[in-house]
Amino acid sequence: MTLGIIGGTSLLYCTLPALEKKTVATPYGPAEVMVGALAIMQRHQFGLPPHRINYRAQMSALALSGVDRIVTFGSVGSLKTAINPGTVIIPTDYLSLTDIPSFHDLAIEHVMPALDDEMIGRLSRALPEAVVGGTYAQTRGPRIETVAEVRGLAKVADVVGMTVASEATLARELDIPVAAVCTVDNYANGLSSEVLTYEHILATSKKYAQRTENIVESVIKEMR
C-alpha cells in the first residue's frame, strides 16, 4: 500500500522526503514521480503551467507506481473575506469551470466525483488546525480570475485554484481514494487592495514553507 502526494506551488520551497526520481512511461506520455516508501508528484514538472499539465500521464504514473490513495495539495485563493490567507482548508466538495480530463475517451462512463470521507477524517486528525469543509472551485489558468468571476464563484465555493478538481476526478476514474489539503495563500482578485501576481503567490508560499513542511510530515505520518 502506497500513499501518493501531489504538490504544486505550495511545496516549491519545502524540504521533502529523500526519494528516487523516476520517469514513468504511460499511454499518455511520460511523468516524473519520486518513489520510495511513498510517492510524491510535483504537478508543475517540465516547467508546465496549470493549463498545460498532462494530468492523465501524471495520474497514470502514480497508479503504475502502486499508489492506492492520494492527498493532493493545492495553493488557493480565498473567495470569502472570512477565510484569511494562511488558513489551511480540507475541502469536502469541488466544482470546475473548465474541462476536466478523462480516461474514458472511447467509452460512455459516468464517474461519481467525490472526495473521500474516510481520508478527510484522517486528514482532520492529522491537521487539527485545519478548517474541515467547504468547496474548491477550479478555473483554467494561467490567468487570475476576474473580479466578476470571483463574485460569482463566491456564491457557490469557498476557495479557488487551478488543479485539484482535475486530479480528484481522474483519481476516481482509477478507483483511487483522494482528498485535498488547500493552503490559502491570498485573497482572490477584488477581495483586497493588494495587486495579485504570481510573484506574490510564490512569496507567500516561501513565507509558509516551514509550516507546509510540518503539514506534509503530519499527513504522511497519519496516512501511511
C-alpha atoms as a PDB file:
ATOM      1  CA  MET A   1       0.000   0.000   0.000  1.00  0.00           C
ATOM      2  CA  THR A   2       1.500   3.307  -1.091  1.00  0.00           C
ATOM      3  CA  LEU A   3       0.464   6.864  -0.299  1.00  0.00           C
ATOM      4  CA  GLY A   4       0.689   9.331  -3.156  1.00  0.00           C
ATOM      5  CA  ILE A   5       1.157  13.059  -2.586  1.00  0.00           C
ATOM      6  CA  ILE A   6       0.673  15.636  -5.319  1.00  0.00           C
ATOM      7  CA  GLY A   7       2.063  19.117  -4.771  1.00  0.00           C
ATOM      8  CA  GLY A   8       2.482  22.339  -6.670  1.00  0.00           C
ATOM      9  CA  THR A   9       3.323  25.912  -5.752  1.00  0.00           C
ATOM     10  CA  SER A  10       2.774  25.318  -2.028  1.00  0.00           C
ATOM     11  CA  LEU A  11       5.524  22.655  -1.993  1.00  0.00           C
ATOM     12  CA  LEU A  12       8.114  24.531  -4.054  1.00  0.00           C
ATOM     13  CA  TYR A  13      10.140  25.729  -1.074  1.00  0.00           C
ATOM     14  CA  CYS A  14       9.673  22.665   1.137  1.00  0.00           C
ATOM     15  CA  THR A  15      12.248  20.037   2.013  1.00  0.00           C
ATOM     16  CA  LEU A  16      10.554  16.779   1.050  1.00  0.00           C
ATOM     17  CA  PRO A  17      11.483  13.183   1.967  1.00  0.00           C
ATOM     18  CA  ALA A  18      14.510  11.823   0.095  1.00  0.00           C
ATOM     19  CA  LEU A  19      13.075   9.645  -2.660  1.00  0.00           C
ATOM     20  CA  GLU A  20      14.280   8.289  -6.001  1.00  0.00           C
ATOM     21  CA  LYS A  21      13.067  10.263  -9.005  1.00  0.00           C
ATOM     22  CA  LYS A  22      11.829   8.094 -11.850  1.00  0.00           C
ATOM     23  CA  THR A  23      10.350   8.877 -15.238  1.00  0.00           C
ATOM     24  CA  VAL A  24       7.351   6.613 -15.754  1.00  0.00           C
ATOM     25  CA  ALA A  25       6.175   5.841 -19.282  1.00  0.00           C
ATOM     26  CA  THR A  26       2.387   5.900 -19.586  1.00  0.00           C
ATOM     27  CA  PRO A  27      -0.062   5.646 -22.516  1.00  0.00           C
ATOM     28  CA  TYR A  28      -0.492   9.425 -22.207  1.00  0.00           C
ATOM     29  CA  GLY A  29       3.170  10.399 -22.106  1.00  0.00           C
ATOM     30  CA  PRO A  30       5.973  10.392 -19.523  1.00  0.00           C
ATOM     31  CA  ALA A  31       5.668  11.698 -15.972  1.00  0.00           C
ATOM     32  CA  GLU A  32       8.212  12.078 -13.189  1.00  0.00           C
ATOM     33  CA  VAL A  33       7.490  10.506  -9.800  1.00  0.00           C
ATOM     34  CA  MET A  34       9.637  10.441  -6.673  1.00  0.00           C
ATOM     35  CA  VAL A  35       9.207   6.977  -5.195  1.00  0.00           C
ATOM     36  CA  GLY A  36      10.210   5.051  -2.098  1.00  0.00           C
ATOM     37  CA  ALA A  37       8.117   4.362   0.989  1.00  0.00           C
ATOM     38  CA  LEU A  38       5.620   6.748  -0.613  1.00  0.00           C
ATOM     39  CA  ALA A  39       5.263   8.530  -3.959  1.00  0.00           C
ATOM     40  CA  ILE A  40       5.436  12.291  -4.494  1.00  0.00           C
ATOM     41  CA  MET A  41       4.410  14.013  -7.710  1.00  0.00           C
ATOM     42  CA  GLN A  42       5.306  17.622  -8.467  1.00  0.00           C
ATOM     43  CA  ARG A  43       2.497  18.645 -10.827  1.00  0.00           C
ATOM     44  CA  HIS A  44       4.395  21.519 -12.458  1.00  0.00           C
ATOM     45  CA  GLN A  45       7.168  19.237 -13.710  1.00  0.00           C
ATOM     46  CA  PHE A  46       8.822  20.053 -17.037  1.00  0.00           C
ATOM     47  CA  GLY A  47       8.005  23.713 -16.275  1.00  0.00           C
ATOM     48  CA  LEU A  48       4.383  23.386 -17.388  1.00  0.00           C
ATOM     49  CA  PRO A  49       1.760  25.935 -16.262  1.00  0.00           C
ATOM     50  CA  PRO A  50      -1.608  24.699 -14.910  1.00  0.00           C
ATOM     51  CA  HIS A  51      -3.463  24.703 -18.229  1.00  0.00           C
ATOM     52  CA  ARG A  52      -0.807  22.509 -19.878  1.00  0.00           C
ATOM     53  CA  ILE A  53      -0.293  19.888 -17.160  1.00  0.00           C
ATOM     54  CA  ASN A  54      -0.637  16.359 -18.510  1.00  0.00           C
ATOM     55  CA  TYR A  55      -2.958  15.176 -15.748  1.00  0.00           C
ATOM     56  CA  ARG A  56      -3.678  11.825 -17.363  1.00  0.00           C
ATOM     57  CA  ALA A  57       0.022  10.975 -17.588  1.00  0.00           C
ATOM     58  CA  GLN A  58       0.654  12.095 -14.024  1.00  0.00           C
ATOM     59  CA  MET A  59      -2.247  10.163 -12.525  1.00  0.00           C
ATOM     60  CA  SER A  60      -1.389   7.097 -14.606  1.00  0.00           C
ATOM     61  CA  ALA A  61       2.203   7.281 -13.372  1.00  0.00           C
ATOM     62  CA  LEU A  62       1.028   7.321  -9.764  1.00  0.00           C
ATOM     63  CA  ALA A  63      -1.207   4.304 -10.382  1.00  0.00           C
ATOM     64  CA  LEU A  64       1.628   2.439 -12.121  1.00  0.00           C
ATOM     65  CA  SER A  65       3.834   3.259  -9.110  1.00  0.00           C
ATOM     66  CA  GLY A  66       1.443   1.340  -6.854  1.00  0.00           C
ATOM     67  CA  VAL A  67      -0.314   4.316  -5.270  1.00  0.00           C
ATOM     68  CA  ASP A  68      -3.615   3.322  -3.668  1.00  0.00           C
ATOM     69  CA  ARG A  69      -4.613   6.630  -2.034  1.00  0.00           C
ATOM     70  CA  ILE A  70      -3.786  10.235  -2.864  1.00  0.00           C
ATOM     71  CA  VAL A  71      -3.559  13.504  -0.967  1.00  0.00           C
ATOM     72  CA  THR A  72      -3.351  16.442  -3.322  1.00  0.00           C
ATOM     73  CA  PHE A  73      -2.029  19.769  -2.049  1.00  0.00           C
ATOM     74  CA  GLY A  74      -3.344  22.951  -3.620  1.00  0.00           C
ATOM     75  CA  SER A  75      -2.316  26.582  -3.283  1.00  0.00           C
ATOM     76  CA  VAL A  76      -5.588  28.512  -3.388  1.00  0.00           C
ATOM     77  CA  GLY A  77      -7.126  31.943  -3.221  1.00  0.00           C
ATOM     78  CA  SER A  78      -9.842  32.746  -0.705  1.00  0.00           C
ATOM     79  CA  LEU A  79     -13.265  33.611  -2.118  1.00  0.00           C
ATOM     80  CA  LYS A  80     -14.532  34.797   1.266  1.00  0.00           C
ATOM     81  CA  THR A  81     -13.199  37.651   3.381  1.00  0.00           C
ATOM     82  CA  ALA A  82     -13.714  35.450   6.460  1.00  0.00           C
ATOM     83  CA  ILE A  83     -11.181  32.921   5.133  1.00  0.00           C
ATOM     84  CA  ASN A  84      -7.859  34.612   5.759  1.00  0.00           C
ATOM     85  CA  PRO A  85      -4.595  33.939   3.919  1.00  0.00           C
ATOM     86  CA  GLY A  86      -2.647  31.447   5.990  1.00  0.00           C
ATOM     87  CA  THR A  87      -5.699  29.271   6.586  1.00  0.00           C
ATOM     88  CA  VAL A  88      -5.476  25.548   5.848  1.00  0.00           C
ATOM     89  CA  ILE A  89      -8.656  24.007   4.418  1.00  0.00           C
ATOM     90  CA  ILE A  90      -9.633  20.386   3.842  1.00  0.00           C
ATOM     91  CA  PRO A  91     -12.450  20.740   1.283  1.00  0.00           C
ATOM     92  CA  THR A  92     -15.342  18.304   1.130  1.00  0.00           C
ATOM     93  CA  ASP A  93     -16.507  19.085  -2.414  1.00  0.00           C
ATOM     94  CA  TYR A  94     -15.354  20.704  -5.626  1.00  0.00           C
ATOM     95  CA  LEU A  95     -16.578  22.226  -8.872  1.00  0.00           C
ATOM     96  CA  SER A  96     -14.952  23.191 -12.127  1.00  0.00           C
ATOM     97  CA  LEU A  97     -15.486  25.964 -14.645  1.00  0.00           C
ATOM     98  CA  THR A  98     -13.197  24.295 -17.167  1.00  0.00           C
ATOM     99  CA  ASP A  99     -12.929  20.978 -18.957  1.00  0.00           C
ATOM    100  CA  ILE A 100     -11.958  18.050 -16.758  1.00  0.00           C
ATOM    101  CA  PRO A 101      -9.730  15.434 -18.413  1.00  0.00           C
ATOM    102  CA  SER A 102     -10.951  11.829 -18.520  1.00  0.00           C
ATOM    103  CA  PHE A 103      -9.569   8.375 -19.204  1.00  0.00           C
ATOM    104  CA  HIS A 104     -12.895   7.427 -20.815  1.00  0.00           C
ATOM    105  CA  ASP A 105     -12.412   8.853 -24.294  1.00  0.00           C
ATOM    106  CA  LEU A 106     -13.662   5.745 -26.117  1.00  0.00           C
ATOM    107  CA  ALA A 107     -16.463   4.546 -23.849  1.00  0.00           C
ATOM    108  CA  ILE A 108     -19.505   6.044 -22.168  1.00  0.00           C
ATOM    109  CA  GLU A 109     -18.773   6.069 -18.454  1.00  0.00           C
ATOM    110  CA  HIS A 110     -20.305   8.246 -15.766  1.00  0.00           C
ATOM    111  CA  VAL A 111     -17.994   8.527 -12.772  1.00  0.00           C
ATOM    112  CA  MET A 112     -19.410   9.808  -9.492  1.00  0.00           C
ATOM    113  CA  PRO A 113     -16.998  12.560  -8.362  1.00  0.00           C
ATOM    114  CA  ALA A 114     -16.214  12.754  -4.655  1.00  0.00           C
ATOM    115  CA  LEU A 115     -13.502  13.498  -2.151  1.00  0.00           C
ATOM    116  CA  ASP A 116     -13.087  10.514   0.155  1.00  0.00           C
ATOM    117  CA  ASP A 117     -14.839  10.867   3.520  1.00  0.00           C
ATOM    118  CA  GLU A 118     -12.565   8.435   5.346  1.00  0.00           C
ATOM    119  CA  MET A 119      -9.448  10.232   4.133  1.00  0.00           C
ATOM    120  CA  ILE A 120     -10.945  13.611   5.037  1.00  0.00           C
ATOM    121  CA  GLY A 121     -11.485  12.313   8.561  1.00  0.00           C
ATOM    122  CA  ARG A 122      -7.904  11.139   8.827  1.00  0.00           C
ATOM    123  CA  LEU A 123      -6.600  14.444   7.489  1.00  0.00           C
ATOM    124  CA  SER A 124      -8.663  16.311  10.063  1.00  0.00           C
ATOM    125  CA  ARG A 125      -6.983  14.270  12.804  1.00  0.00           C
ATOM    126  CA  ALA A 126      -3.550  14.906  11.329  1.00  0.00           C
ATOM    127  CA  LEU A 127      -4.212  18.651  10.936  1.00  0.00           C
ATOM    128  CA  PRO A 128      -6.349  19.804  13.892  1.00  0.00           C
ATOM    129  CA  GLU A 129      -5.679  23.435  12.950  1.00  0.00           C
ATOM    130  CA  ALA A 130      -7.295  22.994   9.535  1.00  0.00           C
ATOM    131  CA  VAL A 131     -10.813  24.063   8.600  1.00  0.00           C
ATOM    132  CA  VAL A 132     -12.729  20.967   7.501  1.00  0.00           C
ATOM    133  CA  GLY A 133     -15.420  21.607   4.929  1.00  0.00           C
ATOM    134  CA  GLY A 134     -16.011  23.928   2.016  1.00  0.00           C
ATOM    135  CA  THR A 135     -15.941  23.785  -1.753  1.00  0.00           C
ATOM    136  CA  TYR A 136     -12.929  24.097  -4.045  1.00  0.00           C
ATOM    137  CA  ALA A 137     -13.566  25.795  -7.393  1.00  0.00           C
ATOM    138  CA  GLN A 138     -11.239  25.129 -10.312  1.00  0.00           C
ATOM    139  CA  THR A 139     -10.587  27.592 -13.104  1.00  0.00           C
ATOM    140  CA  ARG A 140      -8.394  27.002 -16.147  1.00  0.00           C
ATOM    141  CA  GLY A 141      -5.479  29.324 -15.625  1.00  0.00           C
ATOM    142  CA  PRO A 142      -2.890  30.554 -16.183  1.00  0.00           C
ATOM    143  CA  ARG A 143      -4.607  33.889 -15.730  1.00  0.00           C
ATOM    144  CA  ILE A 144      -6.023  35.051 -12.403  1.00  0.00           C
ATOM    145  CA  GLU A 145      -9.825  35.065 -12.149  1.00  0.00           C
ATOM    146  CA  THR A 146     -11.619  38.335 -12.933  1.00  0.00           C
ATOM    147  CA  VAL A 147     -13.393  40.289 -10.197  1.00  0.00           C
ATOM    148  CA  ALA A 148     -16.733  39.313 -11.729  1.00  0.00           C
ATOM    149  CA  GLU A 149     -15.744  35.628 -11.750  1.00  0.00           C
ATOM    150  CA  VAL A 150     -14.696  35.831  -8.116  1.00  0.00           C
ATOM    151  CA  ARG A 151     -18.050  37.362  -7.158  1.00  0.00           C
ATOM    152  CA  GLY A 152     -19.887  34.591  -8.973  1.00  0.00           C
ATOM    153  CA  LEU A 153     -17.716  31.800  -7.566  1.00  0.00           C
ATOM    154  CA  ALA A 154     -18.098  33.115  -4.027  1.00  0.00           C
ATOM    155  CA  LYS A 155     -21.794  32.221  -4.199  1.00  0.00           C
ATOM    156  CA  VAL A 156     -21.059  28.518  -4.634  1.00  0.00           C
ATOM    157  CA  ALA A 157     -17.488  27.935  -3.403  1.00  0.00           C
ATOM    158  CA  ASP A 158     -15.005  28.962  -0.731  1.00  0.00           C
ATOM    159  CA  VAL A 159     -11.564  28.751  -2.360  1.00  0.00           C
ATOM    160  CA  VAL A 160     -10.318  28.814  -5.939  1.00  0.00           C
ATOM    161  CA  GLY A 161      -7.421  27.059  -7.639  1.00  0.00           C
ATOM    162  CA  MET A 162      -6.454  25.558 -10.987  1.00  0.00           C
ATOM    163  CA  THR A 163      -5.655  21.862 -10.466  1.00  0.00           C
ATOM    164  CA  VAL A 164      -7.357  19.821  -7.731  1.00  0.00           C
ATOM    165  CA  ALA A 165     -10.661  19.083  -9.494  1.00  0.00           C
ATOM    166  CA  SER A 166      -8.878  17.509 -12.467  1.00  0.00           C
ATOM    167  CA  GLU A 167      -6.709  15.337 -10.235  1.00  0.00           C
ATOM    168  CA  ALA A 168      -9.577  14.292  -7.982  1.00  0.00           C
ATOM    169  CA  THR A 169     -11.789  13.250 -10.908  1.00  0.00           C
ATOM    170  CA  LEU A 170      -9.063  11.201 -12.587  1.00  0.00           C
ATOM    171  CA  ALA A 171      -8.271   9.520  -9.276  1.00  0.00           C
ATOM    172  CA  ARG A 172     -11.918   8.478  -9.007  1.00  0.00           C
ATOM    173  CA  GLU A 173     -11.787   7.060 -12.526  1.00  0.00           C
ATOM    174  CA  LEU A 174      -8.830   4.954 -11.379  1.00  0.00           C
ATOM    175  CA  ASP A 175     -10.691   3.881  -8.211  1.00  0.00           C
ATOM    176  CA  ILE A 176      -8.073   5.600  -6.042  1.00  0.00           C
ATOM    177  CA  PRO A 177      -9.463   7.382  -2.965  1.00  0.00           C
ATOM    178  CA  VAL A 178      -8.437  11.047  -2.919  1.00  0.00           C
ATOM    179  CA  ALA A 179      -8.613  14.028  -0.573  1.00  0.00           C
ATOM    180  CA  ALA A 180      -7.160  17.529  -0.684  1.00  0.00           C
ATOM    181  CA  VAL A 181      -5.287  19.914   1.589  1.00  0.00           C
ATOM    182  CA  CYS A 182      -5.530  23.538   0.478  1.00  0.00           C
ATOM    183  CA  THR A 183      -3.282  26.311   1.757  1.00  0.00           C
ATOM    184  CA  VAL A 184      -4.843  29.750   1.354  1.00  0.00           C
ATOM    185  CA  ASP A 185      -2.068  31.972   0.028  1.00  0.00           C
ATOM    186  CA  ASN A 186      -4.042  35.090  -0.901  1.00  0.00           C
ATOM    187  CA  TYR A 187      -7.459  36.664  -1.249  1.00  0.00           C
ATOM    188  CA  ALA A 188      -8.966  36.194  -4.685  1.00  0.00           C
ATOM    189  CA  ASN A 189      -8.961  39.118  -7.092  1.00  0.00           C
ATOM    190  CA  GLY A 190     -11.015  42.057  -5.805  1.00  0.00           C
ATOM    191  CA  LEU A 191     -11.261  40.941  -2.179  1.00  0.00           C
ATOM    192  CA  SER A 192      -8.364  43.105  -1.057  1.00  0.00           C
ATOM    193  CA  SER A 193      -6.450  46.137  -2.258  1.00  0.00           C
ATOM    194  CA  GLU A 194      -3.365  44.033  -2.904  1.00  0.00           C
ATOM    195  CA  VAL A 195      -2.429  43.523  -6.551  1.00  0.00           C
ATOM    196  CA  LEU A 196      -2.354  39.772  -7.105  1.00  0.00           C
ATOM    197  CA  THR A 197       0.576  38.418  -9.123  1.00  0.00           C
ATOM    198  CA  TYR A 198       2.304  35.063  -9.474  1.00  0.00           C
ATOM    199  CA  GLU A 199       5.328  36.570  -7.739  1.00  0.00           C
ATOM    200  CA  HIS A 200       3.129  37.415  -4.764  1.00  0.00           C
ATOM    201  CA  ILE A 201       1.847  33.836  -4.633  1.00  0.00           C
ATOM    202  CA  LEU A 202       5.406  32.498  -4.730  1.00  0.00           C
ATOM    203  CA  ALA A 203       6.461  34.859  -1.939  1.00  0.00           C
ATOM    204  CA  THR A 204       3.587  33.664   0.228  1.00  0.00           C
ATOM    205  CA  SER A 205       4.482  30.019  -0.416  1.00  0.00           C
ATOM    206  CA  LYS A 206       8.065  30.760   0.602  1.00  0.00           C
ATOM    207  CA  LYS A 207       6.865  32.533   3.748  1.00  0.00           C
ATOM    208  CA  TYR A 208       4.874  29.494   4.858  1.00  0.00           C
ATOM    209  CA  ALA A 209       7.416  26.877   3.706  1.00  0.00           C
ATOM    210  CA  GLN A 210       8.202  25.569   7.187  1.00  0.00           C
ATOM    211  CA  ARG A 211       4.545  25.305   8.080  1.00  0.00           C
ATOM    212  CA  THR A 212       3.855  23.432   4.850  1.00  0.00           C
ATOM    213  CA  GLU A 213       6.715  21.030   5.617  1.00  0.00           C
ATOM    214  CA  ASN A 214       5.129  20.347   9.006  1.00  0.00           C
ATOM    215  CA  ILE A 215       1.754  19.740   7.336  1.00  0.00           C
ATOM    216  CA  VAL A 216       3.275  17.276   4.858  1.00  0.00           C
ATOM    217  CA  GLU A 217       5.035  15.427   7.688  1.00  0.00           C
ATOM    218  CA  SER A 218       1.805  15.193   9.691  1.00  0.00           C
ATOM    219  CA  VAL A 219      -0.127  13.951   6.671  1.00  0.00           C
ATOM    220  CA  ILE A 220       2.460  11.288   5.867  1.00  0.00           C
ATOM    221  CA  LYS A 221       2.529  10.099   9.486  1.00  0.00           C
ATOM    222  CA  GLU A 222      -1.268   9.776   9.626  1.00  0.00           C
ATOM    223  CA  MET A 223      -1.945   8.414   6.139  1.00  0.00           C
ATOM    224  CA  ARG A 224       0.841   5.842   5.667  1.00  0.00           C
END
